[in-house]
Amino acid sequence: AKVGIAVAGATVDAIYTTVNDGTVGVVNVGTGVKTPLYSQLIGNQTYISSDNSTIVVKAGYDMGEFGAITVAYDMTTDNRDAAVAEDYTELDVVYKVKAGGVQYFAAYVNQSVDEVGAASKDNAKVRLWGSYAF
């Protein structure tokens, strides 16, 4: 489920997805690492794809020729066996702009995995790329 509002270039979305692997062990992903789930963020595809519930809050602002910024926060609760469950959170801050025919992308991704009986695993990444269509 996804609900949102857009006003004067600003957007706010609230997203909820749930995936149950049942007895077959289905993983809800498409080709590669992309999934049709609304809760797909930059690094959470493994955590949202099988036997979990995910809540995402996302806000964005389109600044016209100066680009667009999006901030998203994901909370995923692992519904597998409680003895091995992993809870996952992710914060994404993304900036995109097109200038001189080049699409630029900059993202900061902060991930945290809390596993039963283990220390929290935290990870921060910066992703940068540029794309030119010719």
C-alpha atoms as a PDB file:
ATOM      1  CA  ALA A   1       0.000   0.000   0.000  1.00  0.00           C
ATOM      2  CA  LYS A   2       1.202   3.491  -0.787  1.00  0.00           C
ATOM      3  CA  VAL A   3      -0.429   6.811   0.094  1.00  0.00           C
ATOM      4  CA  GLY A   4       1.001  10.210  -0.543  1.00  0.00           C
ATOM      5  CA  ILE A   5       0.445  13.869  -1.121  1.00  0.00           C
ATOM      6  CA  ALA A   6       2.069  16.297  -3.547  1.00  0.00           C
ATOM      7  CA  VAL A   7       1.934  20.079  -3.111  1.00  0.00           C
ATOM      8  CA  ALA A   8       3.988  22.697  -4.987  1.00  0.00           C
ATOM      9  CA  GLY A   9       6.909  20.401  -5.872  1.00  0.00           C
ATOM     10  CA  ALA A  10       6.975  18.659  -2.498  1.00  0.00           C
ATOM     11  CA  THR A  11       5.877  15.051  -1.990  1.00  0.00           C
ATOM     12  CA  VAL A  12       5.355  12.926   1.105  1.00  0.00           C
ATOM     13  CA  ASP A  13       4.626   9.189   0.913  1.00  0.00           C
ATOM     14  CA  ALA A  14       3.831   6.513   3.481  1.00  0.00           C
ATOM     15  CA  ILE A  15       4.388   2.955   2.260  1.00  0.00           C
ATOM     16  CA  TYR A  16       3.647  -0.466   3.745  1.00  0.00           C
ATOM     17  CA  THR A  17       4.537  -3.823   2.192  1.00  0.00           C
ATOM     18  CA  THR A  18       4.431  -7.330   3.540  1.00  0.00           C
ATOM     19  CA  VAL A  19       5.810 -10.495   1.982  1.00  0.00           C
ATOM     20  CA  ASN A  20       5.147 -13.988   3.298  1.00  0.00           C
ATOM     21  CA  ASP A  21       7.356 -16.750   1.934  1.00  0.00           C
ATOM     22  CA  GLY A  22       4.799 -19.468   2.762  1.00  0.00           C
ATOM     23  CA  THR A  23       5.957 -23.029   2.228  1.00  0.00           C
ATOM     24  CA  VAL A  24       7.603 -22.415  -1.162  1.00  0.00           C
ATOM     25  CA  GLY A  25      10.101 -19.726  -0.081  1.00  0.00           C
ATOM     26  CA  VAL A  26       9.149 -17.159  -2.721  1.00  0.00           C
ATOM     27  CA  VAL A  27      11.444 -14.153  -3.075  1.00  0.00           C
ATOM     28  CA  ASN A  28       9.621 -11.117  -4.445  1.00  0.00           C
ATOM     29  CA  VAL A  29      12.174  -9.641  -6.845  1.00  0.00           C
ATOM     30  CA  GLY A  30      12.277  -9.022 -10.546  1.00  0.00           C
ATOM     31  CA  THR A  31      15.358  -9.040 -12.743  1.00  0.00           C
ATOM     32  CA  GLY A  32      18.575  -8.401 -10.874  1.00  0.00           C
ATOM     33  CA  VAL A  33      18.008  -6.580  -7.591  1.00  0.00           C
ATOM     34  CA  LYS A  34      14.889  -4.571  -8.499  1.00  0.00           C
ATOM     35  CA  THR A  35      11.542  -5.484  -7.001  1.00  0.00           C
ATOM     36  CA  PRO A  36       7.997  -4.343  -7.819  1.00  0.00           C
ATOM     37  CA  LEU A  37       7.459  -3.466  -4.148  1.00  0.00           C
ATOM     38  CA  TYR A  38       6.854   0.218  -3.333  1.00  0.00           C
ATOM     39  CA  SER A  39       9.262  -0.146  -0.413  1.00  0.00           C
ATOM     40  CA  GLN A  40      12.339  -0.622  -2.657  1.00  0.00           C
ATOM     41  CA  LEU A  41      15.124   1.726  -1.607  1.00  0.00           C
ATOM     42  CA  ILE A  42      18.780   1.755  -2.644  1.00  0.00           C
ATOM     43  CA  GLY A  43      20.099  -1.077  -0.462  1.00  0.00           C
ATOM     44  CA  ASN A  44      17.159  -2.914   1.078  1.00  0.00           C
ATOM     45  CA  GLN A  45      16.186  -5.373  -1.676  1.00  0.00           C
ATOM     46  CA  THR A  46      17.435  -8.435   0.208  1.00  0.00           C
ATOM     47  CA  TYR A  47      15.559  -7.490   3.375  1.00  0.00           C
ATOM     48  CA  ILE A  48      12.179  -6.611   1.794  1.00  0.00           C
ATOM     49  CA  SER A  49      12.013  -9.558  -0.592  1.00  0.00           C
ATOM     50  CA  SER A  50      11.069 -12.493   1.644  1.00  0.00           C
ATOM     51  CA  ASP A  51       9.009 -13.024   4.803  1.00  0.00           C
ATOM     52  CA  ASN A  52       8.904  -9.540   6.289  1.00  0.00           C
ATOM     53  CA  SER A  53       6.872  -6.377   6.872  1.00  0.00           C
ATOM     54  CA  THR A  54       8.245  -2.984   5.801  1.00  0.00           C
ATOM     55  CA  ILE A  55       7.251   0.606   6.497  1.00  0.00           C
ATOM     56  CA  VAL A  56       8.782   3.475   4.497  1.00  0.00           C
ATOM     57  CA  VAL A  57       8.359   7.219   4.963  1.00  0.00           C
ATOM     58  CA  LYS A  58       9.587   9.252   2.017  1.00  0.00           C
ATOM     59  CA  ALA A  59       9.732  13.003   1.336  1.00  0.00           C
ATOM     60  CA  GLY A  60      10.927  14.749  -1.789  1.00  0.00           C
ATOM     61  CA  TYR A  61      11.274  18.214  -3.244  1.00  0.00           C
ATOM     62  CA  ASP A  62      11.641  19.099  -6.930  1.00  0.00           C
ATOM     63  CA  MET A  63      13.724  22.266  -7.351  1.00  0.00           C
ATOM     64  CA  GLY A  64      13.207  22.491 -11.114  1.00  0.00           C
ATOM     65  CA  GLU A  65      16.462  23.082 -12.992  1.00  0.00           C
ATOM     66  CA  PHE A  66      18.394  22.740  -9.708  1.00  0.00           C
ATOM     67  CA  GLY A  67      17.393  19.075  -9.378  1.00  0.00           C
ATOM     68  CA  ALA A  68      15.424  17.061  -6.858  1.00  0.00           C
ATOM     69  CA  ILE A  69      16.161  15.795  -3.370  1.00  0.00           C
ATOM     70  CA  THR A  70      14.550  12.793  -1.694  1.00  0.00           C
ATOM     71  CA  VAL A  71      14.852  11.519   1.868  1.00  0.00           C
ATOM     72  CA  ALA A  72      13.511   8.042   2.676  1.00  0.00           C
ATOM     73  CA  TYR A  73      13.518   5.942   5.844  1.00  0.00           C
ATOM     74  CA  ASP A  74      12.778   2.201   5.869  1.00  0.00           C
ATOM     75  CA  MET A  75      11.970  -0.068   8.824  1.00  0.00           C
ATOM     76  CA  THR A  76      11.757  -3.791   8.040  1.00  0.00           C
ATOM     77  CA  THR A  77      10.728  -6.441  10.551  1.00  0.00           C
ATOM     78  CA  ASP A  78      11.851  -9.943   9.708  1.00  0.00           C
ATOM     79  CA  ASN A  79       8.977 -12.402  10.221  1.00  0.00           C
ATOM     80  CA  ARG A  80      11.091 -15.566  10.042  1.00  0.00           C
ATOM     81  CA  ASP A  81      11.946 -17.687  13.052  1.00  0.00           C
ATOM     82  CA  ALA A  82      12.378 -15.340  16.036  1.00  0.00           C
ATOM     83  CA  ALA A  83      15.659 -17.057  16.941  1.00  0.00           C
ATOM     84  CA  VAL A  84      17.354 -15.807  13.748  1.00  0.00           C
ATOM     85  CA  ALA A  85      15.304 -12.707  12.922  1.00  0.00           C
ATOM     86  CA  GLU A  86      17.001  -9.616  11.528  1.00  0.00           C
ATOM     87  CA  ASP A  87      15.425  -6.178  11.744  1.00  0.00           C
ATOM     88  CA  TYR A  88      16.661  -3.689   9.176  1.00  0.00           C
ATOM     89  CA  THR A  89      16.591   0.091   8.879  1.00  0.00           C
ATOM     90  CA  GLU A  90      17.823   2.310   6.077  1.00  0.00           C
ATOM     91  CA  LEU A  91      18.062   6.060   5.598  1.00  0.00           C
ATOM     92  CA  ASP A  92      18.588   7.370   2.061  1.00  0.00           C
ATOM     93  CA  VAL A  93      19.342  10.964   1.090  1.00  0.00           C
ATOM     94  CA  VAL A  94      19.340  11.291  -2.705  1.00  0.00           C
ATOM     95  CA  TYR A  95      20.047  14.261  -4.994  1.00  0.00           C
ATOM     96  CA  LYS A  96      19.481  14.103  -8.766  1.00  0.00           C
ATOM     97  CA  VAL A  97      20.049  16.815 -11.343  1.00  0.00           C
ATOM     98  CA  LYS A  98      20.361  16.994 -15.123  1.00  0.00           C
ATOM     99  CA  ALA A  99      22.848  19.523 -16.478  1.00  0.00           C
ATOM    100  CA  GLY A 100      24.563  19.782 -19.856  1.00  0.00           C
ATOM    101  CA  GLY A 101      22.836  16.619 -21.062  1.00  0.00           C
ATOM    102  CA  VAL A 102      24.252  14.586 -18.162  1.00  0.00           C
ATOM    103  CA  GLN A 103      22.095  13.039 -15.425  1.00  0.00           C
ATOM    104  CA  TYR A 104      23.926  13.238 -12.088  1.00  0.00           C
ATOM    105  CA  PHE A 105      23.076  11.159  -9.021  1.00  0.00           C
ATOM    106  CA  ALA A 106      24.436  11.441  -5.476  1.00  0.00           C
ATOM    107  CA  ALA A 107      23.203   9.351  -2.549  1.00  0.00           C
ATOM    108  CA  TYR A 108      24.063   8.785   1.078  1.00  0.00           C
ATOM    109  CA  VAL A 109      22.810   5.425   2.400  1.00  0.00           C
ATOM    110  CA  ASN A 110      22.907   4.483   6.087  1.00  0.00           C
ATOM    111  CA  GLN A 111      21.960   0.874   6.906  1.00  0.00           C
ATOM    112  CA  SER A 112      21.568  -0.953  10.214  1.00  0.00           C
ATOM    113  CA  VAL A 113      20.859  -4.648  10.782  1.00  0.00           C
ATOM    114  CA  ASP A 114      19.858  -5.855  14.239  1.00  0.00           C
ATOM    115  CA  GLU A 115      20.085  -9.628  14.523  1.00  0.00           C
ATOM    116  CA  VAL A 116      18.889 -11.610  17.522  1.00  0.00           C
ATOM    117  CA  GLY A 117      21.866 -12.474  19.723  1.00  0.00           C
ATOM    118  CA  ALA A 118      24.407 -10.430  17.727  1.00  0.00           C
ATOM    119  CA  ALA A 119      25.818  -6.924  17.690  1.00  0.00           C
ATOM    120  CA  SER A 120      24.168  -4.393  15.392  1.00  0.00           C
ATOM    121  CA  LYS A 121      25.757  -4.224  11.928  1.00  0.00           C
ATOM    122  CA  ASP A 122      25.901  -0.633  10.696  1.00  0.00           C
ATOM    123  CA  ASN A 123      26.994   0.477   7.262  1.00  0.00           C
ATOM    124  CA  ALA A 124      27.187   3.864   5.519  1.00  0.00           C
ATOM    125  CA  LYS A 125      27.742   4.339   1.781  1.00  0.00           C
ATOM    126  CA  VAL A 126      28.033   7.197  -0.667  1.00  0.00           C
ATOM    127  CA  ARG A 127      27.013   6.460  -4.248  1.00  0.00           C
ATOM    128  CA  LEU A 128      27.834   8.842  -7.112  1.00  0.00           C
ATOM    129  CA  TRP A 129      27.265   8.454 -10.815  1.00  0.00           C
ATOM    130  CA  GLY A 130      26.715  10.399 -13.989  1.00  0.00           C
ATOM    131  CA  SER A 131      24.934   9.214 -17.107  1.00  0.00           C
ATOM    132  CA  TYR A 132      25.074  10.646 -20.636  1.00  0.00           C
ATOM    133  CA  ALA A 133      22.763   9.343 -23.361  1.00  0.00           C
ATOM    134  CA  PHE A 134      24.289   9.522 -26.848  1.00  0.00           C
END
